[in-house]
Amino acid sequence: GVDLLTAPASSGGPTIHAPAAWVE
């Protein structure tokens, strides 16, 4: 009953996602 959404490899330097992007 469990699926996985993998994390993409970062193509550039360190970065973060905006809160609105995570919320959406």
PDB file of all heavy atoms in Angstrom:
ATOM      1  N   GLY A   1       0.774  -1.231   0.000  1.00  0.00           N
ATOM      2  CA  GLY A   1       0.000   0.000   0.000  1.00  0.00           C
ATOM      3  C   GLY A   1       0.803   1.277   0.000  1.00  0.00           C
ATOM      4  O   GLY A   1       0.249   2.354   0.249  1.00  0.00           O
ATOM      5  N   VAL A   2       2.102   1.210  -0.305  1.00  0.00           N
ATOM      6  CA  VAL A   2       2.974   2.389  -0.211  1.00  0.00           C
ATOM      7  C   VAL A   2       3.633   2.686  -1.556  1.00  0.00           C
ATOM      8  O   VAL A   2       4.231   1.808  -2.171  1.00  0.00           O
ATOM      9  CB  VAL A   2       4.072   2.189   0.859  1.00  0.00           C
ATOM     10  CG1 VAL A   2       4.982   3.423   0.932  1.00  0.00           C
ATOM     11  CG2 VAL A   2       3.456   1.905   2.217  1.00  0.00           C
ATOM     12  N   ASP A   3       3.515   3.942  -2.011  1.00  0.00           N
ATOM     13  CA  ASP A   3       4.235   4.437  -3.180  1.00  0.00           C
ATOM     14  C   ASP A   3       5.334   5.392  -2.717  1.00  0.00           C
ATOM     15  O   ASP A   3       5.313   5.890  -1.583  1.00  0.00           O
ATOM     16  CB  ASP A   3       3.293   5.167  -4.137  1.00  0.00           C
ATOM     17  CG  ASP A   3       2.282   4.236  -4.772  1.00  0.00           C
ATOM     18  OD1 ASP A   3       2.566   3.026  -4.878  1.00  0.00           O
ATOM     19  OD2 ASP A   3       1.192   4.725  -5.150  1.00  0.00           O
ATOM     20  N   LEU A   4       6.275   5.665  -3.608  1.00  0.00           N
ATOM     21  CA  LEU A   4       7.405   6.542  -3.294  1.00  0.00           C
ATOM     22  C   LEU A   4       7.523   7.637  -4.346  1.00  0.00           C
ATOM     23  O   LEU A   4       7.434   7.377  -5.547  1.00  0.00           O
ATOM     24  CB  LEU A   4       8.710   5.737  -3.271  1.00  0.00           C
ATOM     25  CG  LEU A   4      10.011   6.549  -3.194  1.00  0.00           C
ATOM     26  CD1 LEU A   4      10.152   7.213  -1.829  1.00  0.00           C
ATOM     27  CD2 LEU A   4      11.213   5.665  -3.496  1.00  0.00           C
ATOM     28  N   LEU A   5       7.726   8.868  -3.885  1.00  0.00           N
ATOM     29  CA  LEU A   5       8.085   9.976  -4.764  1.00  0.00           C
ATOM     30  C   LEU A   5       9.541  10.312  -4.475  1.00  0.00           C
ATOM     31  O   LEU A   5       9.875  10.774  -3.378  1.00  0.00           O
ATOM     32  CB  LEU A   5       7.201  11.198  -4.525  1.00  0.00           C
ATOM     33  CG  LEU A   5       7.449  12.390  -5.463  1.00  0.00           C
ATOM     34  CD1 LEU A   5       7.113  12.023  -6.904  1.00  0.00           C
ATOM     35  CD2 LEU A   5       6.637  13.610  -5.023  1.00  0.00           C
ATOM     36  N   THR A   6      10.417  10.054  -5.451  1.00  0.00           N
ATOM     37  CA  THR A   6      11.846  10.253  -5.241  1.00  0.00           C
ATOM     38  C   THR A   6      12.200  11.742  -5.256  1.00  0.00           C
ATOM     39  O   THR A   6      11.434  12.586  -5.744  1.00  0.00           O
ATOM     40  CB  THR A   6      12.666   9.538  -6.322  1.00  0.00           C
ATOM     41  OG1 THR A   6      12.378  10.131  -7.600  1.00  0.00           O
ATOM     42  CG2 THR A   6      12.333   8.053  -6.363  1.00  0.00           C
ATOM     43  N   ALA A   7      13.388  12.050  -4.744  1.00  0.00           N
ATOM     44  CA  ALA A   7      13.898  13.418  -4.778  1.00  0.00           C
ATOM     45  C   ALA A   7      14.792  13.578  -6.003  1.00  0.00           C
ATOM     46  O   ALA A   7      15.622  12.711  -6.282  1.00  0.00           O
ATOM     47  CB  ALA A   7      14.689  13.721  -3.513  1.00  0.00           C
ATOM     48  N   PRO A   8      14.646  14.674  -6.738  1.00  0.00           N
ATOM     49  CA  PRO A   8      15.503  14.877  -7.907  1.00  0.00           C
ATOM     50  C   PRO A   8      16.908  15.294  -7.489  1.00  0.00           C
ATOM     51  O   PRO A   8      17.092  15.962  -6.468  1.00  0.00           O
ATOM     52  CB  PRO A   8      14.799  16.013  -8.654  1.00  0.00           C
ATOM     53  CG  PRO A   8      14.116  16.793  -7.572  1.00  0.00           C
ATOM     54  CD  PRO A   8      13.683  15.776  -6.549  1.00  0.00           C
ATOM     55  N   ALA A   9      17.893  14.900  -8.273  1.00  0.00           N
ATOM     56  CA  ALA A   9      19.260  15.342  -8.018  1.00  0.00           C
ATOM     57  C   ALA A   9      19.376  16.825  -8.356  1.00  0.00           C
ATOM     58  O   ALA A   9      18.805  17.295  -9.336  1.00  0.00           O
ATOM     59  CB  ALA A   9      20.241  14.534  -8.862  1.00  0.00           C
ATOM     60  N   SER A  10      20.086  17.568  -7.523  1.00  0.00           N
ATOM     61  CA  SER A  10      20.270  18.996  -7.755  1.00  0.00           C
ATOM     62  C   SER A  10      21.218  19.215  -8.916  1.00  0.00           C
ATOM     63  O   SER A  10      22.290  18.613  -8.997  1.00  0.00           O
ATOM     64  CB  SER A  10      20.822  19.666  -6.494  1.00  0.00           C
ATOM     65  OG  SER A  10      21.053  21.032  -6.730  1.00  0.00           O
ATOM     66  N   SER A  11      20.832  20.090  -9.841  1.00  0.00           N
ATOM     67  CA  SER A  11      21.650  20.353 -11.018  1.00  0.00           C
ATOM     68  C   SER A  11      22.584  21.540 -10.830  1.00  0.00           C
ATOM     69  O   SER A  11      23.484  21.766 -11.631  1.00  0.00           O
ATOM     70  CB  SER A  11      20.754  20.604 -12.242  1.00  0.00           C
ATOM     71  OG  SER A  11      19.875  21.681 -11.990  1.00  0.00           O
ATOM     72  N   GLY A  12      22.351  22.323  -9.785  1.00  0.00           N
ATOM     73  CA  GLY A  12      23.181  23.493  -9.534  1.00  0.00           C
ATOM     74  C   GLY A  12      23.710  23.499  -8.117  1.00  0.00           C
ATOM     75  O   GLY A  12      23.882  22.446  -7.505  1.00  0.00           O
ATOM     76  N   GLY A  13      23.961  24.673  -7.586  1.00  0.00           N
ATOM     77  CA  GLY A  13      24.430  24.802  -6.214  1.00  0.00           C
ATOM     78  C   GLY A  13      23.301  24.647  -5.228  1.00  0.00           C
ATOM     79  O   GLY A  13      22.149  24.379  -5.604  1.00  0.00           O
ATOM     80  N   PRO A  14      23.604  24.795  -3.941  1.00  0.00           N
ATOM     81  CA  PRO A  14      22.573  24.669  -2.899  1.00  0.00           C
ATOM     82  C   PRO A  14      21.433  25.660  -3.123  1.00  0.00           C
ATOM     83  O   PRO A  14      21.657  26.818  -3.473  1.00  0.00           O
ATOM     84  CB  PRO A  14      23.340  24.992  -1.610  1.00  0.00           C
ATOM     85  CG  PRO A  14      24.769  24.688  -1.932  1.00  0.00           C
ATOM     86  CD  PRO A  14      24.935  25.040  -3.384  1.00  0.00           C
ATOM     87  N   THR A  15      20.210  25.187  -2.947  1.00  0.00           N
ATOM     88  CA  THR A  15      19.044  26.042  -3.128  1.00  0.00           C
ATOM     89  C   THR A  15      17.918  25.514  -2.246  1.00  0.00           C
ATOM     90  O   THR A  15      18.029  24.427  -1.667  1.00  0.00           O
ATOM     91  CB  THR A  15      18.603  26.063  -4.600  1.00  0.00           C
ATOM     92  OG1 THR A  15      17.521  26.998  -4.750  1.00  0.00           O
ATOM     93  CG2 THR A  15      18.134  24.683  -5.053  1.00  0.00           C
ATOM     94  N   ILE A  16      16.861  26.264  -2.127  1.00  0.00           N
ATOM     95  CA  ILE A  16      15.683  25.822  -1.390  1.00  0.00           C
ATOM     96  C   ILE A  16      14.451  26.108  -2.238  1.00  0.00           C
ATOM     97  O   ILE A  16      14.508  26.872  -3.206  1.00  0.00           O
ATOM     98  CB  ILE A  16      15.541  26.515  -0.018  1.00  0.00           C
ATOM     99  CG1 ILE A  16      15.378  28.041  -0.190  1.00  0.00           C
ATOM    100  CG2 ILE A  16      16.701  26.178   0.897  1.00  0.00           C
ATOM    101  CD1 ILE A  16      15.018  28.751   1.098  1.00  0.00           C
ATOM    102  N   HIS A  17      13.324  25.483  -1.859  1.00  0.00           N
ATOM    103  CA  HIS A  17      12.054  25.749  -2.514  1.00  0.00           C
ATOM    104  C   HIS A  17      11.271  26.786  -1.703  1.00  0.00           C
ATOM    105  O   HIS A  17      11.329  26.798  -0.473  1.00  0.00           O
ATOM    106  CB  HIS A  17      11.232  24.468  -2.624  1.00  0.00           C
ATOM    107  CG  HIS A  17      11.800  23.459  -3.558  1.00  0.00           C
ATOM    108  ND1 HIS A  17      12.778  22.563  -3.173  1.00  0.00           N
ATOM    109  CD2 HIS A  17      11.545  23.201  -4.879  1.00  0.00           C
ATOM    110  CE1 HIS A  17      13.092  21.789  -4.199  1.00  0.00           C
ATOM    111  NE2 HIS A  17      12.373  22.159  -5.243  1.00  0.00           N
ATOM    112  N   ALA A  18      10.549  27.631  -2.392  1.00  0.00           N
ATOM    113  CA  ALA A  18       9.691  28.589  -1.717  1.00  0.00           C
ATOM    114  C   ALA A  18       8.568  27.840  -0.997  1.00  0.00           C
ATOM    115  O   ALA A  18       8.089  26.812  -1.487  1.00  0.00           O
ATOM    116  CB  ALA A  18       9.101  29.571  -2.724  1.00  0.00           C
ATOM    117  N   PRO A  19       8.135  28.333   0.167  1.00  0.00           N
ATOM    118  CA  PRO A  19       7.042  27.662   0.884  1.00  0.00           C
ATOM    119  C   PRO A  19       5.804  27.437   0.014  1.00  0.00           C
ATOM    120  O   PRO A  19       5.173  26.377   0.087  1.00  0.00           O
ATOM    121  CB  PRO A  19       6.750  28.618   2.040  1.00  0.00           C
ATOM    122  CG  PRO A  19       8.054  29.322   2.274  1.00  0.00           C
ATOM    123  CD  PRO A  19       8.669  29.477   0.915  1.00  0.00           C
ATOM    124  N   ALA A  20       5.476  28.418  -0.814  1.00  0.00           N
ATOM    125  CA  ALA A  20       4.286  28.281  -1.664  1.00  0.00           C
ATOM    126  C   ALA A  20       4.407  27.099  -2.619  1.00  0.00           C
ATOM    127  O   ALA A  20       3.413  26.424  -2.920  1.00  0.00           O
ATOM    128  CB  ALA A  20       4.055  29.571  -2.456  1.00  0.00           C
ATOM    129  N   ALA A  21       5.631  26.825  -3.078  1.00  0.00           N
ATOM    130  CA  ALA A  21       5.839  25.690  -3.982  1.00  0.00           C
ATOM    131  C   ALA A  21       5.588  24.373  -3.270  1.00  0.00           C
ATOM    132  O   ALA A  21       4.955  23.459  -3.822  1.00  0.00           O
ATOM    133  CB  ALA A  21       7.257  25.731  -4.550  1.00  0.00           C
ATOM    134  N   TRP A  22       6.084  24.266  -2.026  1.00  0.00           N
ATOM    135  CA  TRP A  22       5.843  23.049  -1.257  1.00  0.00           C
ATOM    136  C   TRP A  22       4.362  22.898  -0.920  1.00  0.00           C
ATOM    137  O   TRP A  22       3.807  21.796  -1.004  1.00  0.00           O
ATOM    138  CB  TRP A  22       6.664  23.057   0.028  1.00  0.00           C
ATOM    139  CG  TRP A  22       8.011  22.429  -0.093  1.00  0.00           C
ATOM    140  CD1 TRP A  22       9.234  23.005   0.071  1.00  0.00           C
ATOM    141  CD2 TRP A  22       8.282  21.048  -0.399  1.00  0.00           C
ATOM    142  NE1 TRP A  22      10.244  22.098  -0.129  1.00  0.00           N
ATOM    143  CE2 TRP A  22       9.697  20.895  -0.420  1.00  0.00           C
ATOM    144  CE3 TRP A  22       7.480  19.953  -0.683  1.00  0.00           C
ATOM    145  CZ2 TRP A  22      10.304  19.666  -0.692  1.00  0.00           C
ATOM    146  CZ3 TRP A  22       8.090  18.734  -0.961  1.00  0.00           C
ATOM    147  CH2 TRP A  22       9.480  18.604  -0.964  1.00  0.00           C
ATOM    148  N   VAL A  23       3.721  23.982  -0.535  1.00  0.00           N
ATOM    149  CA  VAL A  23       2.300  23.913  -0.190  1.00  0.00           C
ATOM    150  C   VAL A  23       1.483  23.426  -1.384  1.00  0.00           C
ATOM    151  O   VAL A  23       0.615  22.554  -1.258  1.00  0.00           O
ATOM    152  CB  VAL A  23       1.789  25.289   0.291  1.00  0.00           C
ATOM    153  CG1 VAL A  23       0.264  25.280   0.390  1.00  0.00           C
ATOM    154  CG2 VAL A  23       2.395  25.642   1.641  1.00  0.00           C
ATOM    155  N   GLU A  24       1.759  23.974  -2.566  1.00  0.00           N
ATOM    156  CA  GLU A  24       1.035  23.547  -3.771  1.00  0.00           C
ATOM    157  C   GLU A  24       1.291  22.074  -4.068  1.00  0.00           C
ATOM    158  O   GLU A  24       0.359  21.320  -4.383  1.00  0.00           O
ATOM    159  CB  GLU A  24       1.461  24.402  -4.957  1.00  0.00           C
ATOM    160  CG  GLU A  24       0.731  24.050  -6.246  1.00  0.00           C
ATOM    161  CD  GLU A  24       1.155  24.903  -7.425  1.00  0.00           C
ATOM    162  OE1 GLU A  24       2.027  25.778  -7.242  1.00  0.00           O
ATOM    163  OE2 GLU A  24       0.623  24.688  -8.536  1.00  0.00           O
TER     164      GLU A  24
END
